[in-house]
C-alpha cells in the first residue's frame, strides 16, 4: 500500500496560486474598464466608445493580466 502512504502534492505552490489570482483579477478589471459607453437610444451614435479608457487602457490591462497569469504558470518556486 505504498500509494496510500504518499502525500499528494499540488501542481503549483501557494505563491503560484496567489499570482494566478492576481492575474485573473487584473483581467477582470480590464474587462470592467472596457464595458459601457453605449447609447440609450440605438438610433443615436455615441462617441464614448472611442475614448482612451476603452481603446487603450482596457486592452492593455487585459494583456498585462494575461502576462501575469502566464508568469504564474511558468514560475518555478523550487528554483529559488
Protein backbone atom coordinates (compact mmCIF):
# COMPACT_ATOMS: atom_id res chain seq x y z
CA UNK A 1 0.00 0.00 0.00
CA UNK A 2 2.73 2.43 -0.96
CA UNK A 3 0.34 4.76 -2.80
CA UNK A 4 -1.83 5.37 0.26
CA UNK A 5 1.14 6.48 2.37
CA UNK A 6 2.35 9.09 -0.10
CA UNK A 7 1.22 12.67 0.37
CA UNK A 8 -0.43 14.11 -2.72
CA UNK A 9 1.23 17.28 -3.99
CA UNK A 10 -0.42 20.17 -5.78
CA UNK A 11 0.69 21.13 -9.24
CA UNK A 12 1.74 24.62 -8.10
CA UNK A 13 2.90 26.13 -4.83
CA UNK A 14 0.96 28.68 -2.79
CA UNK A 15 2.76 31.66 -4.35
CA UNK A 16 1.83 30.48 -7.86
CA UNK A 17 -1.85 30.41 -6.95
CA UNK A 18 -1.63 33.90 -5.42
CA UNK A 19 -0.01 35.32 -8.55
CA UNK A 20 -2.58 33.49 -10.69
CA UNK A 21 -5.47 35.04 -8.74
CA UNK A 22 -3.89 38.50 -9.09
CA UNK A 23 -3.63 37.96 -12.85
CA UNK A 24 -7.26 36.89 -13.09
CA UNK A 25 -8.26 39.97 -11.08
CA UNK A 26 -6.31 42.25 -13.45
CA UNK A 27 -8.01 40.60 -16.45
CA UNK A 28 -11.43 41.12 -14.85
CA UNK A 29 -10.55 44.77 -14.15
CA UNK A 30 -9.63 45.22 -17.82
CA UNK A 31 -12.97 43.84 -18.97
CA UNK A 32 -14.81 46.06 -16.47
CA UNK A 33 -12.92 49.08 -17.85
CA UNK A 34 -13.92 48.03 -21.36
CA UNK A 35 -17.65 47.91 -20.61
CA UNK A 36 -20.16 50.69 -21.07
CA UNK A 37 -20.13 53.64 -23.43
CA UNK A 38 -23.27 52.71 -25.27
CA UNK A 39 -26.13 55.00 -26.11
CA UNK A 40 -29.57 54.76 -24.55
CA UNK A 41 -31.17 55.23 -27.94
CA UNK A 42 -29.96 52.78 -30.63
CA UNK A 43 -30.56 55.42 -33.32
CA UNK A 44 -28.11 57.87 -31.71
CA UNK A 45 -24.36 57.31 -32.12
CA UNK A 46 -22.20 57.77 -29.04
CA UNK A 47 -18.54 58.80 -29.27
CA UNK A 48 -17.95 57.46 -25.74
CA UNK A 49 -16.99 54.05 -27.11
CA UNK A 50 -13.86 55.57 -28.63
CA UNK A 51 -12.36 57.19 -25.54
CA UNK A 52 -8.91 56.42 -24.12
CA UNK A 53 -10.19 54.06 -21.43
CA UNK A 54 -11.90 51.64 -23.82
CA UNK A 55 -9.43 51.80 -26.71
CA UNK A 56 -6.03 51.87 -24.97
CA UNK A 57 -6.23 51.33 -21.21
CA UNK A 58 -8.62 48.37 -21.00
CA UNK A 59 -6.95 46.16 -23.66
CA UNK A 60 -3.52 46.93 -22.20
CA UNK A 61 -4.78 45.97 -18.74
CA UNK A 62 -6.15 42.68 -20.09
CA UNK A 63 -2.84 41.88 -21.81
CA UNK A 64 -0.91 42.67 -18.62
CA UNK A 65 -3.26 40.34 -16.75
CA UNK A 66 -2.59 37.56 -19.25
CA UNK A 67 1.14 38.17 -18.84
CA UNK A 68 0.85 37.88 -15.05
CA UNK A 69 -1.12 34.67 -15.46
CA UNK A 70 1.48 33.15 -17.80
CA UNK A 71 4.21 34.16 -15.35
CA UNK A 72 2.32 32.43 -12.52
CA UNK A 73 2.14 29.24 -14.56
CA UNK A 74 5.80 29.29 -15.59
CA UNK A 75 7.27 30.36 -12.23
CA UNK A 76 9.23 27.61 -10.56
CA UNK A 77 9.28 28.26 -6.78
CA UNK A 78 11.74 25.43 -6.15
CA UNK A 79 14.38 27.25 -8.20
CA UNK A 80 14.81 29.99 -5.58
